[in-house]
Amino acid sequence: MAFGEAEAAAILERQPTEVAAIVDQLRRLTSKPGENSFLVVSADDYYIQFLSLPRKRSLAVEAISNAFLSKKSQIGEAATQELLGLGFALPDPGFNFSMEYELQNDSDYTVLAVMTLAALFDIYRCPQGTKLAFELNLE
């Protein structure tokens, strides 16, 4: 999956409510960053997690890896390459895919929301219409 403007526009058009919900949660996460603040956005067995980095204007972002998935839910090499294409690094054994995302302006929240939906629905292949779950911890 080459993630470009056309793919982002399609997600914005197809899932505007979900994009807005993720943006809202990310703004809440970064409005009062604490040492243990995090947001988990999940669908089915899959999740993307955002960790507040309060001394930076950045978020640590993780995408679930096969280390935490049942055999039935594990992803293949093509999906792994797609996650790398979004900017994630390969996980060390027993860890998740990860990246650090520097927040430069307000549109970055939308970029992260679109990336989250691309990962959950296009890469992990959660069925369209799967309800998102949010876990927000502000500490």
C-alpha atoms as a PDB file:
ATOM      1  CA  MET A   1       0.000   0.000   0.000  1.00  0.00           C
ATOM      2  CA  ALA A   2       1.508   3.260  -1.075  1.00  0.00           C
ATOM      3  CA  PHE A   3       0.033   5.732   1.359  1.00  0.00           C
ATOM      4  CA  GLY A   4      -0.383   9.002  -0.483  1.00  0.00           C
ATOM      5  CA  GLU A   5      -2.789  11.866  -0.848  1.00  0.00           C
ATOM      6  CA  ALA A   6      -5.371   9.822  -2.769  1.00  0.00           C
ATOM      7  CA  GLU A   7      -5.486   7.121  -0.076  1.00  0.00           C
ATOM      8  CA  ALA A   8      -5.703   9.752   2.673  1.00  0.00           C
ATOM      9  CA  ALA A   9      -8.507  11.566   0.861  1.00  0.00           C
ATOM     10  CA  ALA A  10     -10.412   8.290   0.453  1.00  0.00           C
ATOM     11  CA  ILE A  11     -10.160   7.579   4.187  1.00  0.00           C
ATOM     12  CA  LEU A  12     -11.257  11.129   5.052  1.00  0.00           C
ATOM     13  CA  GLU A  13     -14.254  10.746   2.753  1.00  0.00           C
ATOM     14  CA  ARG A  14     -15.142   7.188   3.811  1.00  0.00           C
ATOM     15  CA  GLN A  15     -14.666   7.589   7.577  1.00  0.00           C
ATOM     16  CA  PRO A  16     -15.020  11.264   8.567  1.00  0.00           C
ATOM     17  CA  THR A  17     -16.623  10.483  11.931  1.00  0.00           C
ATOM     18  CA  GLU A  18     -13.821   8.097  12.890  1.00  0.00           C
ATOM     19  CA  VAL A  19     -11.158  10.600  11.798  1.00  0.00           C
ATOM     20  CA  ALA A  20     -12.807  13.302  13.926  1.00  0.00           C
ATOM     21  CA  ALA A  21     -13.046  10.968  16.944  1.00  0.00           C
ATOM     22  CA  ILE A  22      -9.360  10.032  16.753  1.00  0.00           C
ATOM     23  CA  VAL A  23      -8.329  13.676  16.283  1.00  0.00           C
ATOM     24  CA  ASP A  24     -10.364  14.620  19.370  1.00  0.00           C
ATOM     25  CA  GLN A  25      -8.732  11.882  21.459  1.00  0.00           C
ATOM     26  CA  LEU A  26      -5.232  12.829  20.268  1.00  0.00           C
ATOM     27  CA  ARG A  27      -5.838  16.475  21.127  1.00  0.00           C
ATOM     28  CA  ARG A  28      -6.982  15.455  24.585  1.00  0.00           C
ATOM     29  CA  LEU A  29      -3.862  13.296  24.983  1.00  0.00           C
ATOM     30  CA  THR A  30      -1.510  16.131  24.067  1.00  0.00           C
ATOM     31  CA  SER A  31      -3.383  18.894  25.910  1.00  0.00           C
ATOM     32  CA  LYS A  32      -2.127  17.664  29.295  1.00  0.00           C
ATOM     33  CA  PRO A  33       0.822  15.408  28.551  1.00  0.00           C
ATOM     34  CA  GLY A  34       1.961  13.369  31.506  1.00  0.00           C
ATOM     35  CA  GLU A  35       4.644  10.769  32.026  1.00  0.00           C
ATOM     36  CA  ASN A  36       2.116   7.918  31.798  1.00  0.00           C
ATOM     37  CA  SER A  37      -0.415   9.391  29.357  1.00  0.00           C
ATOM     38  CA  PHE A  38      -1.468   7.194  26.462  1.00  0.00           C
ATOM     39  CA  LEU A  39      -4.223   6.563  23.934  1.00  0.00           C
ATOM     40  CA  VAL A  40      -5.083   3.172  22.484  1.00  0.00           C
ATOM     41  CA  VAL A  41      -7.298   3.012  19.379  1.00  0.00           C
ATOM     42  CA  SER A  42      -8.431  -0.533  18.702  1.00  0.00           C
ATOM     43  CA  ALA A  43     -10.633  -2.518  16.350  1.00  0.00           C
ATOM     44  CA  ASP A  44     -11.076  -6.254  16.715  1.00  0.00           C
ATOM     45  CA  ASP A  45      -7.726  -7.774  17.773  1.00  0.00           C
ATOM     46  CA  TYR A  46      -5.658  -4.856  16.492  1.00  0.00           C
ATOM     47  CA  TYR A  47      -4.556  -1.561  17.985  1.00  0.00           C
ATOM     48  CA  ILE A  48      -2.478   1.542  17.482  1.00  0.00           C
ATOM     49  CA  GLN A  49      -1.126   3.088  20.673  1.00  0.00           C
ATOM     50  CA  PHE A  50       0.073   6.643  21.237  1.00  0.00           C
ATOM     51  CA  LEU A  51       2.323   7.477  24.164  1.00  0.00           C
ATOM     52  CA  SER A  52       2.816  11.047  25.288  1.00  0.00           C
ATOM     53  CA  LEU A  53       6.408  12.273  25.283  1.00  0.00           C
ATOM     54  CA  PRO A  54       5.919  15.314  27.513  1.00  0.00           C
ATOM     55  CA  ARG A  55       9.435  16.725  27.235  1.00  0.00           C
ATOM     56  CA  LYS A  56       9.134  16.711  23.458  1.00  0.00           C
ATOM     57  CA  ARG A  57       6.446  17.808  21.049  1.00  0.00           C
ATOM     58  CA  SER A  58       6.212  14.198  19.885  1.00  0.00           C
ATOM     59  CA  LEU A  59       4.270  11.001  20.324  1.00  0.00           C
ATOM     60  CA  ALA A  60       5.647   7.488  20.442  1.00  0.00           C
ATOM     61  CA  VAL A  61       3.362   5.433  18.210  1.00  0.00           C
ATOM     62  CA  GLU A  62       3.065   1.651  18.297  1.00  0.00           C
ATOM     63  CA  ALA A  63       1.186  -0.766  16.044  1.00  0.00           C
ATOM     64  CA  ILE A  64       0.523  -4.271  17.327  1.00  0.00           C
ATOM     65  CA  SER A  65       2.908  -6.942  16.090  1.00  0.00           C
ATOM     66  CA  ASN A  66       2.519 -10.684  15.658  1.00  0.00           C
ATOM     67  CA  ALA A  67       4.113 -11.171  19.088  1.00  0.00           C
ATOM     68  CA  PHE A  68       0.755 -10.145  20.605  1.00  0.00           C
ATOM     69  CA  LEU A  69      -1.629 -11.681  18.060  1.00  0.00           C
ATOM     70  CA  SER A  70      -3.137 -15.139  17.861  1.00  0.00           C
ATOM     71  CA  LYS A  71      -1.962 -17.290  14.948  1.00  0.00           C
ATOM     72  CA  LYS A  72      -5.278 -16.618  13.211  1.00  0.00           C
ATOM     73  CA  SER A  73      -4.878 -12.832  13.479  1.00  0.00           C
ATOM     74  CA  GLN A  74      -1.198 -12.536  12.548  1.00  0.00           C
ATOM     75  CA  ILE A  75      -0.150 -10.434   9.588  1.00  0.00           C
ATOM     76  CA  GLY A  76       2.037 -11.486   6.686  1.00  0.00           C
ATOM     77  CA  GLU A  77       5.036  -9.986   4.957  1.00  0.00           C
ATOM     78  CA  ALA A  78       2.946  -7.735   2.671  1.00  0.00           C
ATOM     79  CA  ALA A  79       1.178  -6.147   5.663  1.00  0.00           C
ATOM     80  CA  THR A  80       4.512  -5.776   7.438  1.00  0.00           C
ATOM     81  CA  GLN A  81       5.887  -3.904   4.429  1.00  0.00           C
ATOM     82  CA  GLU A  82       2.819  -1.660   4.399  1.00  0.00           C
ATOM     83  CA  LEU A  83       3.378  -0.756   8.072  1.00  0.00           C
ATOM     84  CA  LEU A  84       6.995   0.066   7.231  1.00  0.00           C
ATOM     85  CA  GLY A  85       5.657   2.246   4.408  1.00  0.00           C
ATOM     86  CA  LEU A  86       3.657   4.236   6.971  1.00  0.00           C
ATOM     87  CA  GLY A  87       6.875   4.943   8.845  1.00  0.00           C
ATOM     88  CA  PHE A  88       6.898   2.219  11.479  1.00  0.00           C
ATOM     89  CA  ALA A  89      10.134   0.390  12.304  1.00  0.00           C
ATOM     90  CA  LEU A  90      10.340  -3.392  12.425  1.00  0.00           C
ATOM     91  CA  PRO A  91       9.765  -4.647  15.954  1.00  0.00           C
ATOM     92  CA  ASP A  92      12.417  -6.371  17.990  1.00  0.00           C
ATOM     93  CA  PRO A  93      11.234  -9.824  19.148  1.00  0.00           C
ATOM     94  CA  GLY A  94       8.465  -9.441  21.712  1.00  0.00           C
ATOM     95  CA  PHE A  95       7.758  -5.786  20.863  1.00  0.00           C
ATOM     96  CA  ASN A  96       5.414  -3.788  18.608  1.00  0.00           C
ATOM     97  CA  PHE A  97       6.104  -1.856  15.428  1.00  0.00           C
ATOM     98  CA  SER A  98       7.053   1.658  16.511  1.00  0.00           C
ATOM     99  CA  MET A  99       7.860   5.193  15.455  1.00  0.00           C
ATOM    100  CA  GLU A 100       8.247   8.614  16.988  1.00  0.00           C
ATOM    101  CA  TYR A 101       6.018  11.234  15.375  1.00  0.00           C
ATOM    102  CA  GLU A 102       6.915  14.893  15.820  1.00  0.00           C
ATOM    103  CA  LEU A 103       3.878  17.163  16.049  1.00  0.00           C
ATOM    104  CA  GLN A 104       4.622  20.239  13.977  1.00  0.00           C
ATOM    105  CA  ASN A 105       1.164  21.718  13.416  1.00  0.00           C
ATOM    106  CA  ASP A 106      -2.522  21.080  13.940  1.00  0.00           C
ATOM    107  CA  SER A 107      -2.917  19.066  10.723  1.00  0.00           C
ATOM    108  CA  ASP A 108      -0.637  16.372  12.188  1.00  0.00           C
ATOM    109  CA  TYR A 109      -3.566  15.131  14.286  1.00  0.00           C
ATOM    110  CA  THR A 110      -5.501  14.422  11.087  1.00  0.00           C
ATOM    111  CA  VAL A 111      -2.451  12.742   9.536  1.00  0.00           C
ATOM    112  CA  LEU A 112      -2.172  10.451  12.576  1.00  0.00           C
ATOM    113  CA  ALA A 113      -5.911   9.708  12.524  1.00  0.00           C
ATOM    114  CA  VAL A 114      -5.820   8.790   8.837  1.00  0.00           C
ATOM    115  CA  MET A 115      -2.698   6.678   9.398  1.00  0.00           C
ATOM    116  CA  THR A 116      -4.447   4.860  12.260  1.00  0.00           C
ATOM    117  CA  LEU A 117      -7.469   4.058  10.107  1.00  0.00           C
ATOM    118  CA  ALA A 118      -5.241   2.971   7.210  1.00  0.00           C
ATOM    119  CA  ALA A 119      -3.413   0.593   9.520  1.00  0.00           C
ATOM    120  CA  LEU A 120      -6.535  -0.854  11.138  1.00  0.00           C
ATOM    121  CA  PHE A 121      -8.742  -1.181   8.060  1.00  0.00           C
ATOM    122  CA  ASP A 122      -6.388  -1.415   5.093  1.00  0.00           C
ATOM    123  CA  ILE A 123      -3.359  -3.197   6.545  1.00  0.00           C
ATOM    124  CA  TYR A 124      -4.772  -5.284   9.400  1.00  0.00           C
ATOM    125  CA  ARG A 125      -7.947  -5.771   7.326  1.00  0.00           C
ATOM    126  CA  CYS A 126     -10.531  -5.115  10.033  1.00  0.00           C
ATOM    127  CA  PRO A 127     -13.951  -5.253   8.349  1.00  0.00           C
ATOM    128  CA  GLN A 128     -15.328  -1.842   7.373  1.00  0.00           C
ATOM    129  CA  GLY A 129     -17.899  -0.777   9.930  1.00  0.00           C
ATOM    130  CA  THR A 130     -15.986  -2.312  12.842  1.00  0.00           C
ATOM    131  CA  LYS A 131     -16.487   0.015  15.780  1.00  0.00           C
ATOM    132  CA  LEU A 132     -13.396   1.678  17.165  1.00  0.00           C
ATOM    133  CA  ALA A 133     -12.648   1.484  20.871  1.00  0.00           C
ATOM    134  CA  PHE A 134     -10.665   4.140  22.709  1.00  0.00           C
ATOM    135  CA  GLU A 135      -8.701   3.911  25.918  1.00  0.00           C
ATOM    136  CA  LEU A 136      -7.370   7.287  27.045  1.00  0.00           C
ATOM    137  CA  ASN A 137      -5.213   7.592  30.144  1.00  0.00           C
ATOM    138  CA  LEU A 138      -4.144  11.060  31.253  1.00  0.00           C
ATOM    139  CA  GLU A 139      -1.566  10.867  34.059  1.00  0.00           C
END
